[in-house]
Amino acid sequence: MIKLISLMKRKEGMSREEFAKWAVEDHSPIGKRFPKIRQYRINILRADQAETEFDGVFELWFDTMEDLQAALDSAVGTEAREDAIAHASKRIHLRCDENMIVG
């Protein structure tokens, strides 16, 4: 199982609440349409958390690296990327092999 972890920081002038609403209500329907996606989670910084370098952690699982790359190269991948660029000032992507320790 391959996991793509995306760390995002909201755009300047965007509140945490606006970022959370965008991520969960507007951006997630795009991600759900990725071809061959197996799981999708969005983790949003809590309001009681001090300001940090990132406001959200987006996790997407695929069976293979080829499936992940095909999803990113698809029309949905382009739509997701453009939407993220419009709402995030910083994005870091980590392509990971997941190792479940407790589950």
PDB file of N, CA and C in Angstrom:
ATOM      1  N   MET A   1       0.859  -1.178   0.000  1.00  0.00           N
ATOM      2  CA  MET A   1       0.000   0.000   0.000  1.00  0.00           C
ATOM      3  C   MET A   1       0.902   1.237   0.000  1.00  0.00           C
ATOM      4  N   ILE A   2       0.591   2.162  -0.881  1.00  0.00           N
ATOM      5  CA  ILE A   2       1.325   3.424  -0.999  1.00  0.00           C
ATOM      6  C   ILE A   2       0.454   4.535  -0.437  1.00  0.00           C
ATOM      7  N   LYS A   3       1.062   5.415   0.319  1.00  0.00           N
ATOM      8  CA  LYS A   3       0.320   6.549   0.879  1.00  0.00           C
ATOM      9  C   LYS A   3       0.965   7.844   0.412  1.00  0.00           C
ATOM     10  N   LEU A   4       0.117   8.771  -0.035  1.00  0.00           N
ATOM     11  CA  LEU A   4       0.558  10.127  -0.320  1.00  0.00           C
ATOM     12  C   LEU A   4       0.098  10.990   0.843  1.00  0.00           C
ATOM     13  N   ILE A   5       1.038  11.629   1.501  1.00  0.00           N
ATOM     14  CA  ILE A   5       0.724  12.560   2.587  1.00  0.00           C
ATOM     15  C   ILE A   5       1.023  13.956   2.069  1.00  0.00           C
ATOM     16  N   SER A   6       0.024  14.819   2.115  1.00  0.00           N
ATOM     17  CA  SER A   6       0.189  16.206   1.690  1.00  0.00           C
ATOM     18  C   SER A   6       0.024  17.109   2.904  1.00  0.00           C
ATOM     19  N   LEU A   7       1.040  17.898   3.174  1.00  0.00           N
ATOM     20  CA  LEU A   7       1.000  18.876   4.258  1.00  0.00           C
ATOM     21  C   LEU A   7       0.690  20.225   3.627  1.00  0.00           C
ATOM     22  N   MET A   8      -0.316  20.922   4.161  1.00  0.00           N
ATOM     23  CA  MET A   8      -0.706  22.198   3.558  1.00  0.00           C
ATOM     24  C   MET A   8      -0.835  23.306   4.590  1.00  0.00           C
ATOM     25  N   LYS A   9      -0.418  24.478   4.173  1.00  0.00           N
ATOM     26  CA  LYS A   9      -0.580  25.708   4.943  1.00  0.00           C
ATOM     27  C   LYS A   9      -1.558  26.594   4.188  1.00  0.00           C
ATOM     28  N   ARG A  10      -2.526  27.139   4.881  1.00  0.00           N
ATOM     29  CA  ARG A  10      -3.545  27.982   4.239  1.00  0.00           C
ATOM     30  C   ARG A  10      -2.915  29.255   3.660  1.00  0.00           C
ATOM     31  N   LYS A  11      -3.590  29.807   2.659  1.00  0.00           N
ATOM     32  CA  LYS A  11      -3.138  31.058   2.038  1.00  0.00           C
ATOM     33  C   LYS A  11      -3.251  32.206   3.034  1.00  0.00           C
ATOM     34  N   GLU A  12      -2.385  33.180   2.870  1.00  0.00           N
ATOM     35  CA  GLU A  12      -2.410  34.394   3.684  1.00  0.00           C
ATOM     36  C   GLU A  12      -3.796  35.035   3.577  1.00  0.00           C
ATOM     37  N   GLY A  13      -4.348  35.455   4.694  1.00  0.00           N
ATOM     38  CA  GLY A  13      -5.663  36.084   4.717  1.00  0.00           C
ATOM     39  C   GLY A  13      -6.805  35.105   4.888  1.00  0.00           C
ATOM     40  N   MET A  14      -6.543  33.828   4.813  1.00  0.00           N
ATOM     41  CA  MET A  14      -7.571  32.792   4.983  1.00  0.00           C
ATOM     42  C   MET A  14      -7.550  32.340   6.445  1.00  0.00           C
ATOM     43  N   SER A  15      -8.700  32.321   7.088  1.00  0.00           N
ATOM     44  CA  SER A  15      -8.764  31.887   8.482  1.00  0.00           C
ATOM     45  C   SER A  15      -8.674  30.367   8.569  1.00  0.00           C
ATOM     46  N   ARG A  16      -8.381  29.876   9.749  1.00  0.00           N
ATOM     47  CA  ARG A  16      -8.363  28.426   9.960  1.00  0.00           C
ATOM     48  C   ARG A  16      -9.729  27.824   9.651  1.00  0.00           C
ATOM     49  N   GLU A  17     -10.772  28.520  10.066  1.00  0.00           N
ATOM     50  CA  GLU A  17     -12.133  28.027   9.831  1.00  0.00           C
ATOM     51  C   GLU A  17     -12.433  27.954   8.338  1.00  0.00           C
ATOM     52  N   GLU A  18     -12.017  28.964   7.591  1.00  0.00           N
ATOM     53  CA  GLU A  18     -12.221  28.953   6.140  1.00  0.00           C
ATOM     54  C   GLU A  18     -11.429  27.820   5.492  1.00  0.00           C
ATOM     55  N   PHE A  19     -10.199  27.602   5.962  1.00  0.00           N
ATOM     56  CA  PHE A  19      -9.373  26.527   5.424  1.00  0.00           C
ATOM     57  C   PHE A  19     -10.026  25.172   5.707  1.00  0.00           C
ATOM     58  N   ALA A  20     -10.493  24.973   6.937  1.00  0.00           N
ATOM     59  CA  ALA A  20     -11.139  23.708   7.308  1.00  0.00           C
ATOM     60  C   ALA A  20     -12.382  23.461   6.465  1.00  0.00           C
ATOM     61  N   LYS A  21     -13.194  24.493   6.287  1.00  0.00           N
ATOM     62  CA  LYS A  21     -14.417  24.356   5.477  1.00  0.00           C
ATOM     63  C   LYS A  21     -14.053  24.008   4.040  1.00  0.00           C
ATOM     64  N   TRP A  22     -13.078  24.712   3.479  1.00  0.00           N
ATOM     65  CA  TRP A  22     -12.649  24.412   2.111  1.00  0.00           C
ATOM     66  C   TRP A  22     -12.163  22.971   2.002  1.00  0.00           C
ATOM     67  N   ALA A  23     -11.288  22.556   2.910  1.00  0.00           N
ATOM     68  CA  ALA A  23     -10.688  21.226   2.834  1.00  0.00           C
ATOM     69  C   ALA A  23     -11.741  20.122   2.898  1.00  0.00           C
ATOM     70  N   VAL A  24     -12.626  20.207   3.869  1.00  0.00           N
ATOM     71  CA  VAL A  24     -13.584  19.126   4.105  1.00  0.00           C
ATOM     72  C   VAL A  24     -14.780  19.189   3.152  1.00  0.00           C
ATOM     73  N   GLU A  25     -15.287  20.388   2.893  1.00  0.00           N
ATOM     74  CA  GLU A  25     -16.509  20.500   2.098  1.00  0.00           C
ATOM     75  C   GLU A  25     -16.274  20.690   0.604  1.00  0.00           C
ATOM     76  N   ASP A  26     -15.196  21.396   0.237  1.00  0.00           N
ATOM     77  CA  ASP A  26     -14.979  21.725  -1.175  1.00  0.00           C
ATOM     78  C   ASP A  26     -13.900  20.864  -1.843  1.00  0.00           C
ATOM     79  N   HIS A  27     -12.783  20.662  -1.141  1.00  0.00           N
ATOM     80  CA  HIS A  27     -11.664  19.937  -1.748  1.00  0.00           C
ATOM     81  C   HIS A  27     -11.857  18.420  -1.697  1.00  0.00           C
ATOM     82  N   SER A  28     -12.401  17.911  -0.623  1.00  0.00           N
ATOM     83  CA  SER A  28     -12.521  16.450  -0.476  1.00  0.00           C
ATOM     84  C   SER A  28     -13.354  15.779  -1.568  1.00  0.00           C
ATOM     85  N   PRO A  29     -14.426  16.400  -2.076  1.00  0.00           N
ATOM     86  CA  PRO A  29     -15.150  15.742  -3.168  1.00  0.00           C
ATOM     87  C   PRO A  29     -14.304  15.534  -4.423  1.00  0.00           C
ATOM     88  N   ILE A  30     -13.313  16.398  -4.623  1.00  0.00           N
ATOM     89  CA  ILE A  30     -12.401  16.209  -5.755  1.00  0.00           C
ATOM     90  C   ILE A  30     -11.536  14.974  -5.494  1.00  0.00           C
ATOM     91  N   GLY A  31     -10.914  14.919  -4.322  1.00  0.00           N
ATOM     92  CA  GLY A  31     -10.037  13.806  -3.984  1.00  0.00           C
ATOM     93  C   GLY A  31     -10.747  12.458  -4.004  1.00  0.00           C
ATOM     94  N   LYS A  32     -12.002  12.441  -3.629  1.00  0.00           N
ATOM     95  CA  LYS A  32     -12.767  11.188  -3.641  1.00  0.00           C
ATOM     96  C   LYS A  32     -12.902  10.613  -5.042  1.00  0.00           C
ATOM     97  N   ARG A  33     -12.719  11.446  -6.052  1.00  0.00           N
ATOM     98  CA  ARG A  33     -12.869  11.006  -7.442  1.00  0.00           C
ATOM     99  C   ARG A  33     -11.569  10.498  -8.069  1.00  0.00           C
ATOM    100  N   PHE A  34     -10.448  10.523  -7.312  1.00  0.00           N
ATOM    101  CA  PHE A  34      -9.205   9.993  -7.866  1.00  0.00           C
ATOM    102  C   PHE A  34      -9.410   8.550  -8.302  1.00  0.00           C
ATOM    103  N   PRO A  35      -8.942   8.192  -9.501  1.00  0.00           N
ATOM    104  CA  PRO A  35      -9.047   6.796  -9.918  1.00  0.00           C
ATOM    105  C   PRO A  35      -8.214   5.895  -8.999  1.00  0.00           C
ATOM    106  N   LYS A  36      -8.791   4.773  -8.638  1.00  0.00           N
ATOM    107  CA  LYS A  36      -8.140   3.714  -7.847  1.00  0.00           C
ATOM    108  C   LYS A  36      -7.731   4.137  -6.439  1.00  0.00           C
ATOM    109  N   ILE A  37      -8.324   5.199  -5.905  1.00  0.00           N
ATOM    110  CA  ILE A  37      -8.024   5.591  -4.532  1.00  0.00           C
ATOM    111  C   ILE A  37      -8.635   4.559  -3.585  1.00  0.00           C
ATOM    112  N   ARG A  38      -7.917   4.195  -2.535  1.00  0.00           N
ATOM    113  CA  ARG A  38      -8.372   3.162  -1.590  1.00  0.00           C
ATOM    114  C   ARG A  38      -8.893   3.773  -0.291  1.00  0.00           C
ATOM    115  N   GLN A  39      -8.234   4.803   0.210  1.00  0.00           N
ATOM    116  CA  GLN A  39      -8.652   5.511   1.411  1.00  0.00           C
ATOM    117  C   GLN A  39      -8.282   6.978   1.245  1.00  0.00           C
ATOM    118  N   TYR A  40      -8.986   7.827   1.999  1.00  0.00           N
ATOM    119  CA  TYR A  40      -8.730   9.268   1.921  1.00  0.00           C
ATOM    120  C   TYR A  40      -9.118   9.872   3.261  1.00  0.00           C
ATOM    121  N   ARG A  41      -8.178  10.557   3.881  1.00  0.00           N
ATOM    122  CA  ARG A  41      -8.434  11.220   5.161  1.00  0.00           C
ATOM    123  C   ARG A  41      -7.876  12.630   5.112  1.00  0.00           C
ATOM    124  N   ILE A  42      -8.584  13.530   5.770  1.00  0.00           N
ATOM    125  CA  ILE A  42      -8.106  14.899   5.924  1.00  0.00           C
ATOM    126  C   ILE A  42      -8.063  15.198   7.418  1.00  0.00           C
ATOM    127  N   ASN A  43      -6.916  15.642   7.871  1.00  0.00           N
ATOM    128  CA  ASN A  43      -6.706  15.993   9.276  1.00  0.00           C
ATOM    129  C   ASN A  43      -6.474  17.497   9.342  1.00  0.00           C
ATOM    130  N   ILE A  44      -7.309  18.186  10.113  1.00  0.00           N
ATOM    131  CA  ILE A  44      -7.252  19.643  10.207  1.00  0.00           C
ATOM    132  C   ILE A  44      -6.762  20.043  11.591  1.00  0.00           C
ATOM    133  N   LEU A  45      -5.871  21.020  11.634  1.00  0.00           N
ATOM    134  CA  LEU A  45      -5.357  21.551  12.891  1.00  0.00           C
ATOM    135  C   LEU A  45      -6.524  22.033  13.755  1.00  0.00           C
ATOM    136  N   ARG A  46      -6.526  21.627  15.001  1.00  0.00           N
ATOM    137  CA  ARG A  46      -7.592  22.037  15.921  1.00  0.00           C
ATOM    138  C   ARG A  46      -7.461  23.516  16.277  1.00  0.00           C
ATOM    139  N   ALA A  47      -8.598  24.135  16.591  1.00  0.00           N
ATOM    140  CA  ALA A  47      -8.620  25.553  16.949  1.00  0.00           C
ATOM    141  C   ALA A  47      -7.813  25.825  18.215  1.00  0.00           C
ATOM    142  N   ASP A  48      -7.716  24.844  19.124  1.00  0.00           N
ATOM    143  CA  ASP A  48      -6.972  25.051  20.369  1.00  0.00           C
ATOM    144  C   ASP A  48      -5.468  24.780  20.218  1.00  0.00           C
ATOM    145  N   GLN A  49      -5.036  24.438  19.009  1.00  0.00           N
ATOM    146  CA  GLN A  49      -3.616  24.206  18.715  1.00  0.00           C
ATOM    147  C   GLN A  49      -2.960  25.532  18.354  1.00  0.00           C
ATOM    148  N   ALA A  50      -1.799  25.787  18.911  1.00  0.00           N
ATOM    149  CA  ALA A  50      -1.055  26.998  18.543  1.00  0.00           C
ATOM    150  C   ALA A  50      -0.728  26.965  17.053  1.00  0.00           C
ATOM    151  N   GLU A  51      -0.485  28.122  16.492  1.00  0.00           N
ATOM    152  CA  GLU A  51      -0.130  28.236  15.068  1.00  0.00           C
ATOM    153  C   GLU A  51       1.088  27.369  14.760  1.00  0.00           C
ATOM    154  N   THR A  52       1.037  26.647  13.644  1.00  0.00           N
ATOM    155  CA  THR A  52       2.135  25.781  13.230  1.00  0.00           C
ATOM    156  C   THR A  52       2.462  26.035  11.764  1.00  0.00           C
ATOM    157  N   GLU A  53       3.429  25.313  11.265  1.00  0.00           N
ATOM    158  CA  GLU A  53       3.863  25.465   9.877  1.00  0.00           C
ATOM    159  C   GLU A  53       2.803  24.990   8.883  1.00  0.00           C
ATOM    160  N   PHE A  54       1.937  24.057   9.322  1.00  0.00           N
ATOM    161  CA  PHE A  54       0.901  23.508   8.443  1.00  0.00           C
ATOM    162  C   PHE A  54      -0.450  23.526   9.144  1.00  0.00           C
ATOM    163  N   ASP A  55      -1.508  23.615   8.345  1.00  0.00           N
ATOM    164  CA  ASP A  55      -2.877  23.624   8.863  1.00  0.00           C
ATOM    165  C   ASP A  55      -3.623  22.331   8.598  1.00  0.00           C
ATOM    166  N   GLY A  56      -3.115  21.518   7.701  1.00  0.00           N
ATOM    167  CA  GLY A  56      -3.811  20.280   7.384  1.00  0.00           C
ATOM    168  C   GLY A  56      -2.878  19.215   6.864  1.00  0.00           C
ATOM    169  N   VAL A  57      -3.260  17.969   7.127  1.00  0.00           N
ATOM    170  CA  VAL A  57      -2.549  16.798   6.631  1.00  0.00           C
ATOM    171  C   VAL A  57      -3.562  15.969   5.855  1.00  0.00           C
ATOM    172  N   PHE A  58      -3.283  15.772   4.581  1.00  0.00           N
ATOM    173  CA  PHE A  58      -4.179  15.045   3.695  1.00  0.00           C
ATOM    174  C   PHE A  58      -3.524  13.705   3.390  1.00  0.00           C
ATOM    175  N   GLU A  59      -4.245  12.596   3.593  1.00  0.00           N
ATOM    176  CA  GLU A  59      -3.695  11.258   3.397  1.00  0.00           C
ATOM    177  C   GLU A  59      -4.504  10.521   2.337  1.00  0.00           C
ATOM    178  N   LEU A  60      -3.820   9.992   1.333  1.00  0.00           N
ATOM    179  CA  LEU A  60      -4.468   9.245   0.251  1.00  0.00           C
ATOM    180  C   LEU A  60      -3.721   7.935   0.048  1.00  0.00           C
ATOM    181  N   TRP A  61      -4.452   6.828  -0.010  1.00  0.00           N
ATOM    182  CA  TRP A  61      -3.857   5.510  -0.163  1.00  0.00           C
ATOM    183  C   TRP A  61      -4.159   4.934  -1.544  1.00  0.00           C
ATOM    184  N   PHE A  62      -3.143   4.276  -2.105  1.00  0.00           N
ATOM    185  CA  PHE A  62      -3.261   3.593  -3.394  1.00  0.00           C
ATOM    186  C   PHE A  62      -2.555   2.244  -3.285  1.00  0.00           C
ATOM    187  N   ASP A  63      -2.943   1.302  -4.134  1.00  0.00           N
ATOM    188  CA  ASP A  63      -2.320  -0.024  -4.098  1.00  0.00           C
ATOM    189  C   ASP A  63      -0.873  -0.007  -4.571  1.00  0.00           C
ATOM    190  N   THR A  64      -0.590   0.796  -5.590  1.00  0.00           N
ATOM    191  CA  THR A  64       0.755   0.808  -6.174  1.00  0.00           C
ATOM    192  C   THR A  64       1.188   2.234  -6.476  1.00  0.00           C
ATOM    193  N   MET A  65       2.478   2.407  -6.662  1.00  0.00           N
ATOM    194  CA  MET A  65       3.011   3.708  -7.062  1.00  0.00           C
ATOM    195  C   MET A  65       2.479   4.094  -8.440  1.00  0.00           C
ATOM    196  N   GLU A  66       2.276   3.113  -9.294  1.00  0.00           N
ATOM    197  CA  GLU A  66       1.718   3.385 -10.629  1.00  0.00           C
ATOM    198  C   GLU A  66       0.300   3.928 -10.522  1.00  0.00           C
ATOM    199  N   ASP A  67      -0.506   3.370  -9.600  1.00  0.00           N
ATOM    200  CA  ASP A  67      -1.869   3.870  -9.399  1.00  0.00           C
ATOM    201  C   ASP A  67      -1.847   5.302  -8.876  1.00  0.00           C
ATOM    202  N   LEU A  68      -0.947   5.572  -7.936  1.00  0.00           N
ATOM    203  CA  LEU A  68      -0.814   6.927  -7.410  1.00  0.00           C
ATOM    204  C   LEU A  68      -0.423   7.896  -8.516  1.00  0.00           C
ATOM    205  N   GLN A  69       0.587   7.553  -9.291  1.00  0.00           N
ATOM    206  CA  GLN A  69       1.047   8.450 -10.349  1.00  0.00           C
ATOM    207  C   GLN A  69      -0.036   8.667 -11.395  1.00  0.00           C
ATOM    208  N   ALA A  70      -0.760   7.611 -11.759  1.00  0.00           N
ATOM    209  CA  ALA A  70      -1.846   7.746 -12.735  1.00  0.00           C
ATOM    210  C   ALA A  70      -2.934   8.675 -12.200  1.00  0.00           C
ATOM    211  N   ALA A  71      -3.224   8.581 -10.915  1.00  0.00           N
ATOM    212  CA  ALA A  71      -4.234   9.460 -10.313  1.00  0.00           C
ATOM    213  C   ALA A  71      -3.770  10.914 -10.356  1.00  0.00           C
ATOM    214  N   LEU A  72      -2.511  11.148 -10.014  1.00  0.00           N
ATOM    215  CA  LEU A  72      -1.984  12.510 -10.039  1.00  0.00           C
ATOM    216  C   LEU A  72      -1.938  13.079 -11.454  1.00  0.00           C
ATOM    217  N   ASP A  73      -1.702  12.218 -12.443  1.00  0.00           N
ATOM    218  CA  ASP A  73      -1.619  12.647 -13.837  1.00  0.00           C
ATOM    219  C   ASP A  73      -2.981  12.777 -14.511  1.00  0.00           C
ATOM    220  N   SER A  74      -4.032  12.345 -13.834  1.00  0.00           N
ATOM    221  CA  SER A  74      -5.373  12.353 -14.417  1.00  0.00           C
ATOM    222  C   SER A  74      -5.970  13.764 -14.393  1.00  0.00           C
ATOM    223  N   ALA A  75      -7.118  13.918 -15.051  1.00  0.00           N
ATOM    224  CA  ALA A  75      -7.843  15.194 -15.032  1.00  0.00           C
ATOM    225  C   ALA A  75      -8.244  15.557 -13.603  1.00  0.00           C
ATOM    226  N   VAL A  76      -8.603  14.570 -12.805  1.00  0.00           N
ATOM    227  CA  VAL A  76      -8.939  14.817 -11.399  1.00  0.00           C
ATOM    228  C   VAL A  76      -7.702  15.312 -10.648  1.00  0.00           C
ATOM    229  N   GLY A  77      -6.545  14.736 -10.956  1.00  0.00           N
ATOM    230  CA  GLY A  77      -5.299  15.183 -10.335  1.00  0.00           C
ATOM    231  C   GLY A  77      -5.007  16.637 -10.651  1.00  0.00           C
ATOM    232  N   THR A  78      -5.219  17.023 -11.881  1.00  0.00           N
ATOM    233  CA  THR A  78      -5.026  18.424 -12.278  1.00  0.00           C
ATOM    234  C   THR A  78      -5.994  19.327 -11.535  1.00  0.00           C
ATOM    235  N   GLU A  79      -7.256  18.917 -11.447  1.00  0.00           N
ATOM    236  CA  GLU A  79      -8.267  19.705 -10.733  1.00  0.00           C
ATOM    237  C   GLU A  79      -7.896  19.850  -9.257  1.00  0.00           C
ATOM    238  N   ALA A  80      -7.479  18.760  -8.626  1.00  0.00           N
ATOM    239  CA  ALA A  80      -7.098  18.792  -7.208  1.00  0.00           C
ATOM    240  C   ALA A  80      -5.889  19.703  -6.993  1.00  0.00           C
ATOM    241  N   ARG A  81      -4.907  19.600  -7.858  1.00  0.00           N
ATOM    242  CA  ARG A  81      -3.695  20.413  -7.749  1.00  0.00           C
ATOM    243  C   ARG A  81      -4.026  21.905  -7.885  1.00  0.00           C
ATOM    244  N   GLU A  82      -4.819  22.258  -8.879  1.00  0.00           N
ATOM    245  CA  GLU A  82      -5.180  23.665  -9.091  1.00  0.00           C
ATOM    246  C   GLU A  82      -5.978  24.214  -7.920  1.00  0.00           C
ATOM    247  N   ASP A  83      -6.895  23.396  -7.383  1.00  0.00           N
ATOM    248  CA  ASP A  83      -7.691  23.818  -6.228  1.00  0.00           C
ATOM    249  C   ASP A  83      -6.794  24.026  -5.010  1.00  0.00           C
ATOM    250  N   ALA A  84      -5.853  23.118  -4.794  1.00  0.00           N
ATOM    251  CA  ALA A  84      -4.941  23.241  -3.657  1.00  0.00           C
ATOM    252  C   ALA A  84      -4.059  24.475  -3.801  1.00  0.00           C
ATOM    253  N   ILE A  85      -3.530  24.714  -4.981  1.00  0.00           N
ATOM    254  CA  ILE A  85      -2.685  25.883  -5.219  1.00  0.00           C
ATOM    255  C   ILE A  85      -3.460  27.171  -4.940  1.00  0.00           C
ATOM    256  N   ALA A  86      -4.748  27.181  -5.244  1.00  0.00           N
ATOM    257  CA  ALA A  86      -5.574  28.368  -5.033  1.00  0.00           C
ATOM    258  C   ALA A  86      -5.853  28.639  -3.551  1.00  0.00           C
ATOM    259  N   HIS A  87      -5.695  27.622  -2.699  1.00  0.00           N
ATOM    260  CA  HIS A  87      -6.056  27.774  -1.287  1.00  0.00           C
ATOM    261  C   HIS A  87      -4.904  27.566  -0.309  1.00  0.00           C
ATOM    262  N   ALA A  88      -3.767  27.117  -0.782  1.00  0.00           N
ATOM    263  CA  ALA A  88      -2.635  26.831   0.107  1.00  0.00           C
ATOM    264  C   ALA A  88      -1.412  27.642  -0.297  1.00  0.00           C
ATOM    265  N   SER A  89      -0.730  28.188   0.703  1.00  0.00           N
ATOM    266  CA  SER A  89       0.499  28.938   0.429  1.00  0.00           C
ATOM    267  C   SER A  89       1.714  28.023   0.393  1.00  0.00           C
ATOM    268  N   LYS A  90       1.571  26.836   0.987  1.00  0.00           N
ATOM    269  CA  LYS A  90       2.678  25.887   1.036  1.00  0.00           C
ATOM    270  C   LYS A  90       2.111  24.483   0.982  1.00  0.00           C
ATOM    271  N   ARG A  91       2.730  23.641   0.136  1.00  0.00           N
ATOM    272  CA  ARG A  91       2.317  22.238   0.016  1.00  0.00           C
ATOM    273  C   ARG A  91       3.562  21.377  -0.063  1.00  0.00           C
ATOM    274  N   ILE A  92       3.590  20.350   0.748  1.00  0.00           N
ATOM    275  CA  ILE A  92       4.679  19.375   0.699  1.00  0.00           C
ATOM    276  C   ILE A  92       4.042  18.006   0.543  1.00  0.00           C
ATOM    277  N   HIS A  93       4.559  17.219  -0.405  1.00  0.00           N
ATOM    278  CA  HIS A  93       4.023  15.879  -0.657  1.00  0.00           C
ATOM    279  C   HIS A  93       5.057  14.837  -0.261  1.00  0.00           C
ATOM    280  N   LEU A  94       4.610  13.854   0.478  1.00  0.00           N
ATOM    281  CA  LEU A  94       5.461  12.746   0.907  1.00  0.00           C
ATOM    282  C   LEU A  94       4.861  11.451   0.367  1.00  0.00           C
ATOM    283  N   ARG A  95       5.612  10.751  -0.450  1.00  0.00           N
ATOM    284  CA  ARG A  95       5.177   9.447  -0.963  1.00  0.00           C
ATOM    285  C   ARG A  95       5.772   8.390  -0.042  1.00  0.00           C
ATOM    286  N   CYS A  96       4.909   7.655   0.630  1.00  0.00           N
ATOM    287  CA  CYS A  96       5.349   6.788   1.734  1.00  0.00           C
ATOM    288  C   CYS A  96       4.906   5.341   1.557  1.00  0.00           C
ATOM    289  N   ASP A  97       5.734   4.445   2.085  1.00  0.00           N
ATOM    290  CA  ASP A  97       5.317   3.073   2.314  1.00  0.00           C
ATOM    291  C   ASP A  97       4.791   3.051   3.742  1.00  0.00           C
ATOM    292  N   GLU A  98       3.541   2.666   3.906  1.00  0.00           N
ATOM    293  CA  GLU A  98       2.928   2.670   5.236  1.00  0.00           C
ATOM    294  C   GLU A  98       3.297   1.415   6.006  1.00  0.00           C
ATOM    295  N   ASN A  99       3.618   1.581   7.278  1.00  0.00           N
ATOM    296  CA  ASN A  99       3.916   0.474   8.176  1.00  0.00           C
ATOM    297  C   ASN A  99       2.964   0.575   9.366  1.00  0.00           C
ATOM    298  N   MET A 100       1.925  -0.256   9.396  1.00  0.00           N
ATOM    299  CA  MET A 100       0.948  -0.243  10.471  1.00  0.00           C
ATOM    300  C   MET A 100       1.578  -0.871  11.708  1.00  0.00           C
ATOM    301  N   ILE A 101       1.605  -0.157  12.810  1.00  0.00           N
ATOM    302  CA  ILE A 101       2.172  -0.662  14.060  1.00  0.00           C
ATOM    303  C   ILE A 101       1.054  -1.097  15.004  1.00  0.00           C
ATOM    304  N   VAL A 102       0.061  -0.265  15.191  1.00  0.00           N
ATOM    305  CA  VAL A 102      -1.115  -0.604  15.984  1.00  0.00           C
ATOM    306  C   VAL A 102      -2.327  -0.327  15.100  1.00  0.00           C
ATOM    307  N   GLY A 103      -3.224  -1.256  14.991  1.00  0.00           N
ATOM    308  CA  GLY A 103      -4.355  -1.032  14.109  1.00  0.00           C
ATOM    309  C   GLY A 103      -5.466  -1.847  14.471  1.00  0.00           C
TER     310      GLY A 103
END
